[in-house]
């Protein structure tokens, strides 16, 4: 696959409506995991939690999930490599939904997977749509 295929996107605005809020959410959650910003626990605390969920080694899993969320979120915000970033983020949310939240059922109030499902479905939509209008993918892909 060449870089043009990764950057290819239609001239539509729906992606922007998804990219910005979802990118902000992902980047903020990644910053919690990586840097302990916004009330997060940083790599050590997140790593311990991930290890307690069976995601071993916890520190490495926290680094991978935090990096995917932070850098993937930034990529969505600026519209750069939206499809691959969204694919990685979707996979991250699939793991979070199944491993961390799956046993608690659907509802977020019970620790369930509804938020992970919403982020997963938004990520899948961006894999399909691409960056759309007002994205770096659109500019670079010309």
Protein backbone atom coordinates (compact mmCIF):
# COMPACT_ATOMS: atom_id res chain seq x y z
CA UNK A 1 0.00 0.00 0.00
CA UNK A 2 1.37 3.41 -0.87
CA UNK A 3 1.09 6.66 1.08
CA UNK A 4 -1.53 8.02 -1.36
CA UNK A 5 -3.90 5.22 -0.39
CA UNK A 6 -3.50 6.09 3.29
CA UNK A 7 -4.12 9.79 2.67
CA UNK A 8 -7.03 9.37 0.24
CA UNK A 9 -10.19 11.07 1.44
CA UNK A 10 -13.38 12.52 0.06
CA UNK A 11 -14.29 16.19 0.09
CA UNK A 12 -16.80 15.96 2.94
CA UNK A 13 -17.26 17.57 6.36
CA UNK A 14 -18.59 14.60 8.37
CA UNK A 15 -15.06 13.53 9.28
CA UNK A 16 -14.31 16.89 10.84
CA UNK A 17 -17.37 16.58 13.08
CA UNK A 18 -16.00 13.23 14.30
CA UNK A 19 -12.27 13.96 14.25
CA UNK A 20 -12.20 16.98 16.54
CA UNK A 21 -14.20 15.80 19.56
CA UNK A 22 -12.97 12.21 19.32
CA UNK A 23 -9.39 13.39 18.88
CA UNK A 24 -9.65 15.64 21.93
CA UNK A 25 -11.09 12.79 24.02
CA UNK A 26 -8.41 10.34 22.92
CA UNK A 27 -5.54 12.83 23.37
CA UNK A 28 -6.75 13.73 26.88
CA UNK A 29 -7.09 10.08 27.92
CA UNK A 30 -3.65 9.33 26.49
CA UNK A 31 -2.20 12.27 28.44
CA UNK A 32 -3.70 10.81 31.61
CA UNK A 33 -1.94 7.52 30.95
CA UNK A 34 1.40 8.90 29.77
CA UNK A 35 1.89 12.09 31.77
CA UNK A 36 -0.58 11.87 34.71
CA UNK A 37 -2.31 14.99 33.35
CA UNK A 38 -6.01 15.72 33.94
CA UNK A 39 -6.14 13.58 37.07
CA UNK A 40 -4.58 10.52 35.45
CA UNK A 41 -2.26 8.03 37.10
CA UNK A 42 0.65 8.17 34.65
CA UNK A 43 2.48 5.16 33.30
CA UNK A 44 3.18 3.56 36.68
CA UNK A 45 -0.38 3.72 37.99
CA UNK A 46 -1.96 2.85 34.66
CA UNK A 47 0.51 0.01 34.24
CA UNK A 48 -0.42 -1.42 37.62
CA UNK A 49 -4.11 -1.22 36.70
CA UNK A 50 -3.54 -2.88 33.34
CA UNK A 51 -1.54 -5.67 34.97
CA UNK A 52 -4.41 -6.22 37.42
CA UNK A 53 -6.69 -6.69 34.39
CA UNK A 54 -4.40 -9.33 32.91
CA UNK A 55 -2.75 -7.02 30.38
CA UNK A 56 0.91 -7.88 30.98
CA UNK A 57 3.45 -6.42 31.15
CA UNK A 58 1.38 -3.58 32.57
CA UNK A 59 3.90 -0.78 32.06
CA UNK A 60 4.39 -1.66 28.37
CA UNK A 61 0.63 -1.98 27.84
CA UNK A 62 0.10 1.42 29.47
CA UNK A 63 2.81 2.90 27.25
CA UNK A 64 1.22 1.38 24.13
CA UNK A 65 -2.35 2.37 25.00
CA UNK A 66 -1.34 5.84 26.18
CA UNK A 67 0.76 6.47 23.08
CA UNK A 68 -1.99 5.22 20.77
CA UNK A 69 -4.53 7.47 22.45
CA UNK A 70 -2.35 10.57 22.81
CA UNK A 71 -0.61 10.56 19.44
CA UNK A 72 -3.61 9.03 17.64
CA UNK A 73 -5.81 11.75 19.13
CA UNK A 74 -3.43 14.46 17.94
CA UNK A 75 -3.39 12.85 14.47
CA UNK A 76 -7.20 12.97 14.37
CA UNK A 77 -7.30 16.60 15.49
CA UNK A 78 -4.92 17.75 12.76
CA UNK A 79 -6.23 15.25 10.22
CA UNK A 80 -2.93 13.50 9.51
CA UNK A 81 -2.91 9.79 8.65
CA UNK A 82 -6.48 9.59 9.90
CA UNK A 83 -7.19 6.08 8.62
CA UNK A 84 -4.22 4.32 10.25
CA UNK A 85 -4.56 6.40 13.44
CA UNK A 86 -8.26 5.56 13.67
CA UNK A 87 -7.54 1.87 13.06
CA UNK A 88 -5.05 1.77 15.94
CA UNK A 89 -7.46 3.68 18.17
CA UNK A 90 -10.30 1.34 17.23
CA UNK A 91 -8.19 -1.68 18.16
CA UNK A 92 -7.28 -0.02 21.45
CA UNK A 93 -10.96 0.54 22.23
CA UNK A 94 -11.84 -3.02 21.26
CA UNK A 95 -9.34 -4.31 23.82
CA UNK A 96 -10.53 -1.81 26.46
CA UNK A 97 -14.17 -2.69 25.85
CA UNK A 98 -13.69 -6.44 25.99
CA UNK A 99 -10.92 -6.89 28.57
CA UNK A 100 -11.49 -3.99 30.97
CA UNK A 101 -15.20 -3.19 30.70
CA UNK A 102 -16.84 -6.22 29.10
CA UNK A 103 -17.81 -8.10 32.26
CA UNK A 104 -19.56 -5.01 33.68
CA UNK A 105 -22.17 -4.91 30.91
CA UNK A 106 -23.17 -2.01 28.72
CA UNK A 107 -23.75 0.94 31.01
CA UNK A 108 -20.94 3.31 31.93
CA UNK A 109 -22.51 3.91 35.35
CA UNK A 110 -21.69 0.27 36.16
CA UNK A 111 -18.19 0.42 34.65
CA UNK A 112 -19.52 -0.96 31.38
CA UNK A 113 -18.31 -0.72 27.81
CA UNK A 114 -20.67 1.90 26.33
CA UNK A 115 -18.01 4.65 26.15
CA UNK A 116 -15.46 2.29 24.61
CA UNK A 117 -18.14 1.19 22.12
CA UNK A 118 -18.89 4.80 21.15
CA UNK A 119 -15.19 5.50 20.61
CA UNK A 120 -14.75 2.22 18.71
CA UNK A 121 -17.64 2.99 16.36
CA UNK A 122 -16.38 6.55 15.79
CA UNK A 123 -12.92 5.18 15.01
CA UNK A 124 -14.34 2.68 12.52
CA UNK A 125 -16.29 5.48 10.84
CA UNK A 126 -13.06 7.47 10.44
CA UNK A 127 -11.25 4.44 8.99
CA UNK A 128 -14.00 4.34 6.35
CA UNK A 129 -14.32 8.09 5.76
CA UNK A 130 -10.73 9.26 6.03
CA UNK A 131 -9.81 12.78 7.10
CA UNK A 132 -12.28 14.65 4.90
CA UNK A 133 -12.22 18.37 4.21
CA UNK A 134 -9.96 20.54 6.30
CA UNK A 135 -7.48 17.74 7.02
CA UNK A 136 -3.77 17.48 6.38
CA UNK A 137 -4.51 14.22 4.56
CA UNK A 138 -6.60 16.19 2.05
CA UNK A 139 -3.87 18.79 1.56
CA UNK A 140 -0.96 16.35 1.34
CA UNK A 141 -2.90 13.89 -0.80
CA UNK A 142 -3.39 16.36 -3.65
